[in-house]
């Protein structure tokens, strides 16, 4: 059995019988970061929602951590403190190794794009991600997704903060992940284009996957306007709701083993 704990935003935990993998830990209190937009969307300090009440029981069991990129809504100061205090082994992009090591993290594994390595008895592969449409993607820096195959578990594609690219298309059509995690908040700053997939690309992603999609990165940060309710309405309208799971903060999704 694989338990997928959706915590908040992109923060989640993959729990198997042997491993408890924390992903992109944003663990700070409500409102400790500034607003990411002031004009385009309501100016509210981030995160705009608290951690779920059941967070401590799962954090106590964490054995490993994956970090997709360094933005504060994916790894904040509280997340850093947690990882240092508990000396959690971390896997990340080779491009982030130096900076994260400097912040005191226990980096035990780094990945390049399209590089596959052994991981907790299975394998993990670094997948290219492009954080935004057009010029903004250069400003947002490097991001890595992960394609994970753990023993006796269904394959998982963590796409991270990305738009729909040839790399995303390749993973969906050639690797055929059984579970994909997709950032669906349609995030956007006051200026420039969207930072992650727009509605059309979210629908394209869902249509092109042969497995289930878990939608996250919603209703936690003030520059993400797409709500769970609106996403459900769009998916139902396009007859795609049966392919997508939209967990609430603190919800646990149980995935049967192979």
C-alpha atoms as a PDB file:
ATOM      1  CA  UNK A   1       0.000   0.000   0.000  1.00  0.00           C
ATOM      2  CA  UNK A   2       1.145   3.530  -0.810  1.00  0.00           C
ATOM      3  CA  UNK A   3      -0.319   6.361   1.253  1.00  0.00           C
ATOM      4  CA  UNK A   4      -0.009   9.780  -0.363  1.00  0.00           C
ATOM      5  CA  UNK A   5      -0.444  12.510   2.236  1.00  0.00           C
ATOM      6  CA  UNK A   6      -1.329  15.863   0.693  1.00  0.00           C
ATOM      7  CA  UNK A   7      -0.113  18.463   3.175  1.00  0.00           C
ATOM      8  CA  UNK A   8      -0.427  21.896   1.525  1.00  0.00           C
ATOM      9  CA  UNK A   9       0.519  23.473  -1.803  1.00  0.00           C
ATOM     10  CA  UNK A  10       3.228  21.186  -3.271  1.00  0.00           C
ATOM     11  CA  UNK A  11       4.144  19.668   0.085  1.00  0.00           C
ATOM     12  CA  UNK A  12       3.241  16.000   0.271  1.00  0.00           C
ATOM     13  CA  UNK A  13       4.452  12.718   1.737  1.00  0.00           C
ATOM     14  CA  UNK A  14       4.764   9.325   0.046  1.00  0.00           C
ATOM     15  CA  UNK A  15       4.465   6.599   2.678  1.00  0.00           C
ATOM     16  CA  UNK A  16       5.248   2.952   1.958  1.00  0.00           C
ATOM     17  CA  UNK A  17       5.836   0.137   4.433  1.00  0.00           C
ATOM     18  CA  UNK A  18       9.547   0.947   4.491  1.00  0.00           C
ATOM     19  CA  UNK A  19       9.957   4.597   3.487  1.00  0.00           C
ATOM     20  CA  UNK A  20       8.317   7.942   4.259  1.00  0.00           C
ATOM     21  CA  UNK A  21       9.354  10.484   1.624  1.00  0.00           C
ATOM     22  CA  UNK A  22       8.690  14.184   2.214  1.00  0.00           C
ATOM     23  CA  UNK A  23       8.397  16.338  -0.919  1.00  0.00           C
ATOM     24  CA  UNK A  24       8.990  20.110  -1.103  1.00  0.00           C
ATOM     25  CA  UNK A  25       8.463  20.972   2.582  1.00  0.00           C
ATOM     26  CA  UNK A  26       6.789  24.360   3.081  1.00  0.00           C
ATOM     27  CA  UNK A  27       6.197  24.005   6.822  1.00  0.00           C
ATOM     28  CA  UNK A  28       5.986  27.614   8.024  1.00  0.00           C
ATOM     29  CA  UNK A  29       3.053  29.193   9.805  1.00  0.00           C
ATOM     30  CA  UNK A  30       0.287  31.016   7.971  1.00  0.00           C
ATOM     31  CA  UNK A  31       1.308  34.461   6.689  1.00  0.00           C
ATOM     32  CA  UNK A  32       5.062  34.350   7.375  1.00  0.00           C
ATOM     33  CA  UNK A  33       5.984  35.219   3.754  1.00  0.00           C
ATOM     34  CA  UNK A  34       5.004  38.325   1.775  1.00  0.00           C
ATOM     35  CA  UNK A  35       2.269  38.305  -0.855  1.00  0.00           C
ATOM     36  CA  UNK A  36       3.474  37.068  -4.253  1.00  0.00           C
ATOM     37  CA  UNK A  37       1.013  39.337  -6.088  1.00  0.00           C
ATOM     38  CA  UNK A  38      -0.514  42.646  -5.023  1.00  0.00           C
ATOM     39  CA  UNK A  39      -2.650  43.752  -7.970  1.00  0.00           C
ATOM     40  CA  UNK A  40      -3.550  40.736 -10.121  1.00  0.00           C
ATOM     41  CA  UNK A  41      -4.837  38.687  -7.176  1.00  0.00           C
ATOM     42  CA  UNK A  42      -5.794  39.655  -3.634  1.00  0.00           C
ATOM     43  CA  UNK A  43      -2.740  40.714  -1.634  1.00  0.00           C
ATOM     44  CA  UNK A  44      -2.458  38.225   1.218  1.00  0.00           C
ATOM     45  CA  UNK A  45       0.655  37.112   3.082  1.00  0.00           C
ATOM     46  CA  UNK A  46       1.747  33.556   2.345  1.00  0.00           C
ATOM     47  CA  UNK A  47       0.986  30.821   2.982  1.00  0.00           C
ATOM     48  CA  UNK A  48      -2.681  31.769   3.130  1.00  0.00           C
ATOM     49  CA  UNK A  49      -3.734  28.538   4.902  1.00  0.00           C
ATOM     50  CA  UNK A  50      -2.310  26.815   7.987  1.00  0.00           C
ATOM     51  CA  UNK A  51      -0.747  23.375   8.073  1.00  0.00           C
ATOM     52  CA  UNK A  52      -3.278  20.565   8.578  1.00  0.00           C
ATOM     53  CA  UNK A  53      -3.775  19.439  12.166  1.00  0.00           C
ATOM     54  CA  UNK A  54      -2.443  15.919  11.457  1.00  0.00           C
ATOM     55  CA  UNK A  55       0.938  17.083  10.126  1.00  0.00           C
ATOM     56  CA  UNK A  56       3.130  16.158  13.114  1.00  0.00           C
ATOM     57  CA  UNK A  57       2.201  12.479  13.138  1.00  0.00           C
ATOM     58  CA  UNK A  58       3.441  11.997   9.585  1.00  0.00           C
ATOM     59  CA  UNK A  59       6.485  14.303   9.857  1.00  0.00           C
ATOM     60  CA  UNK A  60       7.724  12.215  12.777  1.00  0.00           C
ATOM     61  CA  UNK A  61       8.078   9.250  10.408  1.00  0.00           C
ATOM     62  CA  UNK A  62       9.931  10.963   7.525  1.00  0.00           C
ATOM     63  CA  UNK A  63      12.984   9.015   6.297  1.00  0.00           C
ATOM     64  CA  UNK A  64      13.895  10.952   3.126  1.00  0.00           C
ATOM     65  CA  UNK A  65      13.169  14.208   1.290  1.00  0.00           C
ATOM     66  CA  UNK A  66      12.868  15.251  -2.355  1.00  0.00           C
ATOM     67  CA  UNK A  67      13.287  18.909  -3.333  1.00  0.00           C
ATOM     68  CA  UNK A  68      12.284  19.997  -6.842  1.00  0.00           C
ATOM     69  CA  UNK A  69      13.546  23.603  -6.610  1.00  0.00           C
ATOM     70  CA  UNK A  70      14.428  26.345  -4.162  1.00  0.00           C
ATOM     71  CA  UNK A  71      11.392  28.655  -4.286  1.00  0.00           C
ATOM     72  CA  UNK A  72      10.080  29.422  -0.777  1.00  0.00           C
ATOM     73  CA  UNK A  73       6.664  27.871  -1.449  1.00  0.00           C
ATOM     74  CA  UNK A  74       8.519  24.556  -1.956  1.00  0.00           C
ATOM     75  CA  UNK A  75      11.263  24.778   0.667  1.00  0.00           C
ATOM     76  CA  UNK A  76      10.888  27.476   3.328  1.00  0.00           C
ATOM     77  CA  UNK A  77      12.915  28.296   6.443  1.00  0.00           C
ATOM     78  CA  UNK A  78      10.800  25.980   8.623  1.00  0.00           C
ATOM     79  CA  UNK A  79      11.282  23.186   6.092  1.00  0.00           C
ATOM     80  CA  UNK A  80      15.038  23.764   6.208  1.00  0.00           C
ATOM     81  CA  UNK A  81      14.992  23.701  10.012  1.00  0.00           C
ATOM     82  CA  UNK A  82      13.046  20.444  10.064  1.00  0.00           C
ATOM     83  CA  UNK A  83      15.423  18.741   7.634  1.00  0.00           C
ATOM     84  CA  UNK A  84      18.519  19.914   9.536  1.00  0.00           C
ATOM     85  CA  UNK A  85      17.144  19.047  12.980  1.00  0.00           C
ATOM     86  CA  UNK A  86      16.296  15.511  11.922  1.00  0.00           C
ATOM     87  CA  UNK A  87      19.279  15.085   9.562  1.00  0.00           C
ATOM     88  CA  UNK A  88      16.950  13.914   6.801  1.00  0.00           C
ATOM     89  CA  UNK A  89      18.709  12.606   3.659  1.00  0.00           C
ATOM     90  CA  UNK A  90      17.818  14.787   0.656  1.00  0.00           C
ATOM     91  CA  UNK A  91      17.657  14.124  -3.091  1.00  0.00           C
ATOM     92  CA  UNK A  92      17.652  17.170  -5.388  1.00  0.00           C
ATOM     93  CA  UNK A  93      18.817  18.570  -8.720  1.00  0.00           C
ATOM     94  CA  UNK A  94      22.563  18.734  -9.220  1.00  0.00           C
ATOM     95  CA  UNK A  95      21.986  22.444  -9.934  1.00  0.00           C
ATOM     96  CA  UNK A  96      20.676  22.977  -6.389  1.00  0.00           C
ATOM     97  CA  UNK A  97      23.253  20.870  -4.543  1.00  0.00           C
ATOM     98  CA  UNK A  98      25.680  23.679  -3.718  1.00  0.00           C
ATOM     99  CA  UNK A  99      23.028  26.128  -2.454  1.00  0.00           C
ATOM    100  CA  UNK A 100      21.137  23.560  -0.386  1.00  0.00           C
ATOM    101  CA  UNK A 101      24.344  22.170   1.112  1.00  0.00           C
ATOM    102  CA  UNK A 102      25.316  25.725   2.074  1.00  0.00           C
ATOM    103  CA  UNK A 103      21.973  26.016   3.902  1.00  0.00           C
ATOM    104  CA  UNK A 104      22.940  22.981   5.983  1.00  0.00           C
ATOM    105  CA  UNK A 105      21.005  20.166   4.318  1.00  0.00           C
ATOM    106  CA  UNK A 106      22.193  16.553   4.144  1.00  0.00           C
ATOM    107  CA  UNK A 107      22.325  16.128   0.356  1.00  0.00           C
ATOM    108  CA  UNK A 108      22.906  12.435  -0.342  1.00  0.00           C
ATOM    109  CA  UNK A 109      21.882  12.253  -4.016  1.00  0.00           C
ATOM    110  CA  UNK A 110      21.759  14.648  -6.967  1.00  0.00           C
ATOM    111  CA  UNK A 111      20.256  14.178 -10.400  1.00  0.00           C
ATOM    112  CA  UNK A 112      20.691  15.661 -13.848  1.00  0.00           C
ATOM    113  CA  UNK A 113      17.833  15.813 -16.357  1.00  0.00           C
ATOM    114  CA  UNK A 114      17.093  12.371 -17.839  1.00  0.00           C
ATOM    115  CA  UNK A 115      19.496  10.724 -15.411  1.00  0.00           C
ATOM    116  CA  UNK A 116      18.194   7.552 -13.745  1.00  0.00           C
ATOM    117  CA  UNK A 117      19.681   6.324 -10.461  1.00  0.00           C
ATOM    118  CA  UNK A 118      18.937   3.740  -7.799  1.00  0.00           C
ATOM    119  CA  UNK A 119      16.577   5.057  -5.133  1.00  0.00           C
ATOM    120  CA  UNK A 120      15.330   3.340  -1.969  1.00  0.00           C
ATOM    121  CA  UNK A 121      15.323  -0.087  -3.588  1.00  0.00           C
ATOM    122  CA  UNK A 122      13.848   1.204  -6.838  1.00  0.00           C
ATOM    123  CA  UNK A 123      14.787   3.972  -9.263  1.00  0.00           C
ATOM    124  CA  UNK A 124      14.415   7.733  -9.640  1.00  0.00           C
ATOM    125  CA  UNK A 125      14.950   9.814 -12.775  1.00  0.00           C
ATOM    126  CA  UNK A 126      15.332  13.571 -13.136  1.00  0.00           C
ATOM    127  CA  UNK A 127      12.767  15.076 -15.518  1.00  0.00           C
ATOM    128  CA  UNK A 128      13.159  18.552 -17.089  1.00  0.00           C
ATOM    129  CA  UNK A 129      10.653  21.175 -15.942  1.00  0.00           C
ATOM    130  CA  UNK A 130      10.093  24.681 -17.331  1.00  0.00           C
ATOM    131  CA  UNK A 131       8.733  27.112 -14.748  1.00  0.00           C
ATOM    132  CA  UNK A 132       6.614  29.485 -16.857  1.00  0.00           C
ATOM    133  CA  UNK A 133       5.599  30.536 -20.339  1.00  0.00           C
ATOM    134  CA  UNK A 134       8.088  32.630 -22.291  1.00  0.00           C
ATOM    135  CA  UNK A 135      10.554  35.048 -20.690  1.00  0.00           C
ATOM    136  CA  UNK A 136       9.433  34.463 -17.088  1.00  0.00           C
ATOM    137  CA  UNK A 137      10.821  30.900 -17.137  1.00  0.00           C
ATOM    138  CA  UNK A 138      14.364  32.292 -17.313  1.00  0.00           C
ATOM    139  CA  UNK A 139      13.775  34.416 -14.218  1.00  0.00           C
ATOM    140  CA  UNK A 140      12.278  31.497 -12.276  1.00  0.00           C
ATOM    141  CA  UNK A 141      15.446  29.415 -12.543  1.00  0.00           C
ATOM    142  CA  UNK A 142      15.917  25.673 -12.725  1.00  0.00           C
ATOM    143  CA  UNK A 143      13.311  23.130 -11.637  1.00  0.00           C
ATOM    144  CA  UNK A 144      13.447  19.345 -11.749  1.00  0.00           C
ATOM    145  CA  UNK A 145      10.657  16.802 -11.787  1.00  0.00           C
ATOM    146  CA  UNK A 146      11.038  13.176 -10.737  1.00  0.00           C
ATOM    147  CA  UNK A 147       9.893   9.842 -12.168  1.00  0.00           C
ATOM    148  CA  UNK A 148       9.929   7.305  -9.342  1.00  0.00           C
ATOM    149  CA  UNK A 149       9.537   3.532  -9.300  1.00  0.00           C
ATOM    150  CA  UNK A 150       9.558   2.050  -5.804  1.00  0.00           C
ATOM    151  CA  UNK A 151       9.417  -1.714  -5.121  1.00  0.00           C
ATOM    152  CA  UNK A 152       5.892  -3.158  -5.566  1.00  0.00           C
ATOM    153  CA  UNK A 153       4.435   0.345  -5.973  1.00  0.00           C
ATOM    154  CA  UNK A 154       2.832   2.088  -8.931  1.00  0.00           C
ATOM    155  CA  UNK A 155       5.093   4.479 -10.836  1.00  0.00           C
ATOM    156  CA  UNK A 156       4.900   8.138  -9.844  1.00  0.00           C
ATOM    157  CA  UNK A 157       5.650  11.253 -11.901  1.00  0.00           C
ATOM    158  CA  UNK A 158       6.194  14.405  -9.852  1.00  0.00           C
ATOM    159  CA  UNK A 159       6.012  17.032 -12.577  1.00  0.00           C
ATOM    160  CA  UNK A 160       6.706  19.976 -10.210  1.00  0.00           C
ATOM    161  CA  UNK A 161       6.229  23.595 -11.317  1.00  0.00           C
ATOM    162  CA  UNK A 162       6.194  23.360 -15.094  1.00  0.00           C
ATOM    163  CA  UNK A 163       4.299  24.185 -18.224  1.00  0.00           C
ATOM    164  CA  UNK A 164       3.456  21.497 -20.799  1.00  0.00           C
ATOM    165  CA  UNK A 165       6.659  20.764 -22.717  1.00  0.00           C
ATOM    166  CA  UNK A 166       8.055  18.069 -24.984  1.00  0.00           C
ATOM    167  CA  UNK A 167       9.661  16.531 -21.898  1.00  0.00           C
ATOM    168  CA  UNK A 168       6.321  16.340 -20.079  1.00  0.00           C
ATOM    169  CA  UNK A 169       4.730  14.859 -23.185  1.00  0.00           C
ATOM    170  CA  UNK A 170       7.503  12.262 -23.451  1.00  0.00           C
ATOM    171  CA  UNK A 171       7.036  11.118 -19.849  1.00  0.00           C
ATOM    172  CA  UNK A 172       3.252  10.823 -20.159  1.00  0.00           C
ATOM    173  CA  UNK A 173       3.300   8.953 -23.473  1.00  0.00           C
ATOM    174  CA  UNK A 174       6.481   6.852 -23.193  1.00  0.00           C
ATOM    175  CA  UNK A 175       6.893   6.243 -19.458  1.00  0.00           C
ATOM    176  CA  UNK A 176       3.136   5.973 -18.850  1.00  0.00           C
ATOM    177  CA  UNK A 177       3.183   6.921 -15.146  1.00  0.00           C
ATOM    178  CA  UNK A 178       0.418   5.286 -13.152  1.00  0.00           C
ATOM    179  CA  UNK A 179       0.225   8.316 -10.842  1.00  0.00           C
ATOM    180  CA  UNK A 180       1.115  11.880 -11.836  1.00  0.00           C
ATOM    181  CA  UNK A 181       1.218  14.862  -9.489  1.00  0.00           C
ATOM    182  CA  UNK A 182       0.365  18.103 -11.278  1.00  0.00           C
ATOM    183  CA  UNK A 183       0.622  21.718 -10.075  1.00  0.00           C
ATOM    184  CA  UNK A 184      -2.780  23.168 -10.999  1.00  0.00           C
ATOM    185  CA  UNK A 185      -3.007  26.606  -9.382  1.00  0.00           C
ATOM    186  CA  UNK A 186      -2.363  28.562 -12.644  1.00  0.00           C
ATOM    187  CA  UNK A 187       0.063  30.751 -10.681  1.00  0.00           C
ATOM    188  CA  UNK A 188       0.913  34.197 -12.032  1.00  0.00           C
ATOM    189  CA  UNK A 189       2.688  37.299 -10.735  1.00  0.00           C
ATOM    190  CA  UNK A 190       1.412  40.846 -11.288  1.00  0.00           C
ATOM    191  CA  UNK A 191       3.569  40.932 -14.437  1.00  0.00           C
ATOM    192  CA  UNK A 192       4.490  38.346 -17.090  1.00  0.00           C
ATOM    193  CA  UNK A 193       2.776  35.151 -18.208  1.00  0.00           C
ATOM    194  CA  UNK A 194       1.649  32.202 -16.082  1.00  0.00           C
ATOM    195  CA  UNK A 195       4.281  30.345 -14.071  1.00  0.00           C
ATOM    196  CA  UNK A 196       2.751  26.871 -14.395  1.00  0.00           C
ATOM    197  CA  UNK A 197       0.223  25.196 -16.691  1.00  0.00           C
ATOM    198  CA  UNK A 198      -2.828  27.143 -17.775  1.00  0.00           C
ATOM    199  CA  UNK A 199      -6.240  25.479 -18.020  1.00  0.00           C
ATOM    200  CA  UNK A 200      -5.700  24.272 -21.585  1.00  0.00           C
ATOM    201  CA  UNK A 201      -2.420  22.576 -20.700  1.00  0.00           C
ATOM    202  CA  UNK A 202      -3.867  21.058 -17.521  1.00  0.00           C
ATOM    203  CA  UNK A 203      -6.582  19.471 -19.671  1.00  0.00           C
ATOM    204  CA  UNK A 204      -3.977  18.345 -22.212  1.00  0.00           C
ATOM    205  CA  UNK A 205      -1.920  16.755 -19.419  1.00  0.00           C
ATOM    206  CA  UNK A 206      -4.927  14.858 -18.052  1.00  0.00           C
ATOM    207  CA  UNK A 207      -6.021  13.689 -21.512  1.00  0.00           C
ATOM    208  CA  UNK A 208      -2.526  12.441 -22.366  1.00  0.00           C
ATOM    209  CA  UNK A 209      -1.910  10.448 -19.196  1.00  0.00           C
ATOM    210  CA  UNK A 210      -2.933   6.814 -19.023  1.00  0.00           C
ATOM    211  CA  UNK A 211      -2.967   6.864 -15.212  1.00  0.00           C
ATOM    212  CA  UNK A 212      -4.425   8.972 -12.411  1.00  0.00           C
ATOM    213  CA  UNK A 213      -3.566  12.614 -11.798  1.00  0.00           C
ATOM    214  CA  UNK A 214      -3.302  14.142  -8.328  1.00  0.00           C
ATOM    215  CA  UNK A 215      -3.887  17.893  -8.519  1.00  0.00           C
ATOM    216  CA  UNK A 216      -2.023  20.112  -6.039  1.00  0.00           C
ATOM    217  CA  UNK A 217      -0.523  23.619  -5.689  1.00  0.00           C
ATOM    218  CA  UNK A 218      -3.956  25.180  -5.102  1.00  0.00           C
ATOM    219  CA  UNK A 219      -5.532  27.468  -2.478  1.00  0.00           C
ATOM    220  CA  UNK A 220      -2.342  27.873  -0.414  1.00  0.00           C
ATOM    221  CA  UNK A 221      -0.436  30.731  -2.059  1.00  0.00           C
ATOM    222  CA  UNK A 222      -1.980  34.050  -3.063  1.00  0.00           C
ATOM    223  CA  UNK A 223      -0.790  34.026  -6.681  1.00  0.00           C
ATOM    224  CA  UNK A 224      -2.649  30.768  -7.482  1.00  0.00           C
ATOM    225  CA  UNK A 225      -6.233  31.687  -8.483  1.00  0.00           C
ATOM    226  CA  UNK A 226      -7.571  28.306  -9.660  1.00  0.00           C
ATOM    227  CA  UNK A 227      -9.599  26.707  -6.869  1.00  0.00           C
ATOM    228  CA  UNK A 228     -10.435  23.066  -6.323  1.00  0.00           C
ATOM    229  CA  UNK A 229     -14.105  23.816  -6.987  1.00  0.00           C
ATOM    230  CA  UNK A 230     -13.386  25.527 -10.301  1.00  0.00           C
ATOM    231  CA  UNK A 231     -11.015  22.760 -11.394  1.00  0.00           C
ATOM    232  CA  UNK A 232     -13.692  20.153 -10.664  1.00  0.00           C
ATOM    233  CA  UNK A 233     -16.211  22.102 -12.741  1.00  0.00           C
ATOM    234  CA  UNK A 234     -13.787  22.296 -15.676  1.00  0.00           C
ATOM    235  CA  UNK A 235     -12.892  18.611 -15.475  1.00  0.00           C
ATOM    236  CA  UNK A 236     -16.549  17.564 -15.271  1.00  0.00           C
ATOM    237  CA  UNK A 237     -17.375  19.779 -18.256  1.00  0.00           C
ATOM    238  CA  UNK A 238     -14.619  18.016 -20.234  1.00  0.00           C
ATOM    239  CA  UNK A 239     -15.553  14.504 -18.992  1.00  0.00           C
ATOM    240  CA  UNK A 240     -12.169  14.060 -17.297  1.00  0.00           C
ATOM    241  CA  UNK A 241     -13.061  14.043 -13.604  1.00  0.00           C
ATOM    242  CA  UNK A 242     -12.683  10.253 -13.394  1.00  0.00           C
ATOM    243  CA  UNK A 243      -8.941  10.603 -14.095  1.00  0.00           C
ATOM    244  CA  UNK A 244      -8.190  13.222 -11.419  1.00  0.00           C
ATOM    245  CA  UNK A 245      -7.983  13.273  -7.629  1.00  0.00           C
ATOM    246  CA  UNK A 246      -8.149  16.687  -5.910  1.00  0.00           C
ATOM    247  CA  UNK A 247      -7.196  16.174  -2.253  1.00  0.00           C
ATOM    248  CA  UNK A 248      -7.930  18.602   0.541  1.00  0.00           C
ATOM    249  CA  UNK A 249      -5.103  19.698   2.835  1.00  0.00           C
ATOM    250  CA  UNK A 250      -4.403  16.876   5.281  1.00  0.00           C
ATOM    251  CA  UNK A 251      -6.145  14.245   3.131  1.00  0.00           C
ATOM    252  CA  UNK A 252      -4.551  10.839   2.620  1.00  0.00           C
ATOM    253  CA  UNK A 253      -4.954   8.978  -0.684  1.00  0.00           C
ATOM    254  CA  UNK A 254      -4.507   5.216  -0.500  1.00  0.00           C
ATOM    255  CA  UNK A 255      -2.988   3.602  -3.585  1.00  0.00           C
ATOM    256  CA  UNK A 256      -3.033  -0.198  -3.843  1.00  0.00           C
ATOM    257  CA  UNK A 257       0.320  -1.867  -4.475  1.00  0.00           C
ATOM    258  CA  UNK A 258       1.060  -3.606  -7.753  1.00  0.00           C
END
